Amino acid sequence: MYYRWEQEALYLDCSIQPKSNEDRIVGPVGESLKIRICAAPTDGKANKQLIRFLAKKFHTKQTATTIVNGQTNRHKRLCIKKLLTIPDGLDMVEDRLT
């Protein structure tokens, strides 16, 4: 499973594909959530774009979205707090939303 709830925080195990044509959540692939990001993986640009993109998708602030593991890796664990919605196409239980 690519996600886990801990109290009101959502943890995502993600596989990131940088330098893509568009920012997009592809969907679950194996044990991770595949996400495509336009930005190149240099100087933290892809990480910053990933946080901006996910904050927008989950309707939360960028400061509530953090990379827990994998700063320099394509496989990352992210924590999203204070999310207001779950993006379409993701099968997560929404009753934990604040």
Protein backbone atom coordinates (compact mmCIF):
# COMPACT_ATOMS: atom_id res chain seq x y z
CA MET A 1 0.00 0.00 0.00
CA TYR A 2 1.39 3.39 -0.98
CA TYR A 3 -0.24 5.43 1.81
CA ARG A 4 -0.68 5.36 5.57
CA TRP A 5 -2.62 7.56 7.96
CA GLU A 6 -1.10 8.56 11.30
CA GLN A 7 -3.69 10.55 13.21
CA GLU A 8 -4.50 13.41 10.80
CA ALA A 9 -1.31 13.15 8.73
CA LEU A 10 -1.14 11.26 5.45
CA TYR A 11 2.14 9.53 4.56
CA LEU A 12 2.74 8.69 0.89
CA ASP A 13 5.40 6.43 -0.59
CA CYS A 14 6.06 7.94 -4.01
CA SER A 15 8.06 7.23 -7.12
CA ILE A 16 8.92 10.52 -8.82
CA GLN A 17 9.61 10.94 -12.53
CA PRO A 18 11.28 14.35 -13.03
CA LYS A 19 11.65 16.20 -16.35
CA SER A 20 8.19 15.09 -17.47
CA ASN A 21 5.90 16.94 -19.89
CA GLU A 22 3.42 17.77 -17.13
CA ASP A 23 2.87 17.64 -13.38
CA ARG A 24 0.54 14.68 -12.86
CA ILE A 25 -0.35 11.92 -10.44
CA VAL A 26 -0.16 8.79 -12.57
CA GLY A 27 -1.55 6.50 -9.86
CA PRO A 28 -0.50 3.53 -7.79
CA VAL A 29 2.29 1.41 -9.27
CA GLY A 30 3.28 -1.51 -7.06
CA GLU A 31 3.87 -0.25 -3.53
CA SER A 32 4.24 3.42 -4.45
CA LEU A 33 2.32 6.30 -5.98
CA LYS A 34 3.85 7.39 -9.29
CA ILE A 35 4.02 11.15 -9.82
CA ARG A 36 5.41 12.99 -12.84
CA ILE A 37 6.99 16.42 -12.31
CA CYS A 38 8.11 18.90 -14.99
CA ALA A 39 11.08 20.27 -13.07
CA ALA A 40 14.59 18.88 -13.44
CA PRO A 41 16.13 17.09 -10.44
CA THR A 42 18.86 19.70 -9.99
CA ASP A 43 19.33 22.10 -7.09
CA GLY A 44 16.16 20.77 -5.42
CA LYS A 45 13.91 22.12 -8.18
CA ALA A 46 11.96 18.87 -8.60
CA ASN A 47 11.44 18.60 -4.82
CA LYS A 48 10.13 22.17 -4.62
CA GLN A 49 7.82 21.59 -7.58
CA LEU A 50 6.61 18.30 -6.06
CA ILE A 51 5.68 20.05 -2.80
CA ARG A 52 3.90 22.88 -4.67
CA PHE A 53 2.02 20.38 -6.83
CA LEU A 54 0.90 18.11 -3.98
CA ALA A 55 -0.10 21.05 -1.77
CA LYS A 56 -2.34 22.27 -4.58
CA LYS A 57 -3.81 18.79 -5.25
CA PHE A 58 -4.57 18.09 -1.59
CA HIS A 59 -5.70 21.70 -0.89
CA THR A 60 -3.21 22.36 1.87
CA LYS A 61 -0.33 24.75 2.48
CA GLN A 62 3.13 24.03 1.11
CA THR A 63 4.50 24.19 4.65
CA ALA A 64 2.19 21.29 5.59
CA THR A 65 3.76 19.07 2.90
CA THR A 66 7.21 17.69 3.68
CA ILE A 67 9.64 15.13 2.28
CA VAL A 68 10.39 12.75 5.15
CA ASN A 69 12.80 10.41 3.28
CA GLY A 70 14.45 10.50 -0.13
CA GLN A 71 15.53 14.11 -0.65
CA THR A 72 17.99 13.03 -3.35
CA ASN A 73 16.22 9.89 -4.54
CA ARG A 74 13.33 9.20 -6.93
CA HIS A 75 11.65 7.16 -4.21
CA LYS A 76 10.34 9.45 -1.50
CA ARG A 77 8.17 9.31 1.59
CA LEU A 78 6.06 12.42 2.01
CA CYS A 79 3.94 13.68 4.88
CA ILE A 80 0.88 15.82 4.16
CA LYS A 81 -0.89 17.48 7.08
CA LYS A 82 -4.10 19.48 7.24
CA LEU A 83 -5.28 18.25 3.84
CA LEU A 84 -8.79 19.20 2.80
CA THR A 85 -9.38 16.83 -0.10
CA ILE A 86 -8.14 13.68 -1.80
CA PRO A 87 -7.40 14.04 -5.55
CA ASP A 88 -9.69 12.17 -7.93
CA GLY A 89 -8.56 8.66 -8.76
CA LEU A 90 -6.88 7.93 -5.43
CA ASP A 91 -8.64 5.34 -3.27
CA MET A 92 -8.00 6.68 0.22
CA VAL A 93 -10.49 6.89 3.04
CA GLU A 94 -11.56 10.52 3.26
CA ASP A 95 -13.20 10.40 6.71
CA ARG A 96 -9.91 11.44 8.32
CA LEU A 97 -9.83 14.84 6.64
CA THR A 98 -9.90 17.84 8.93
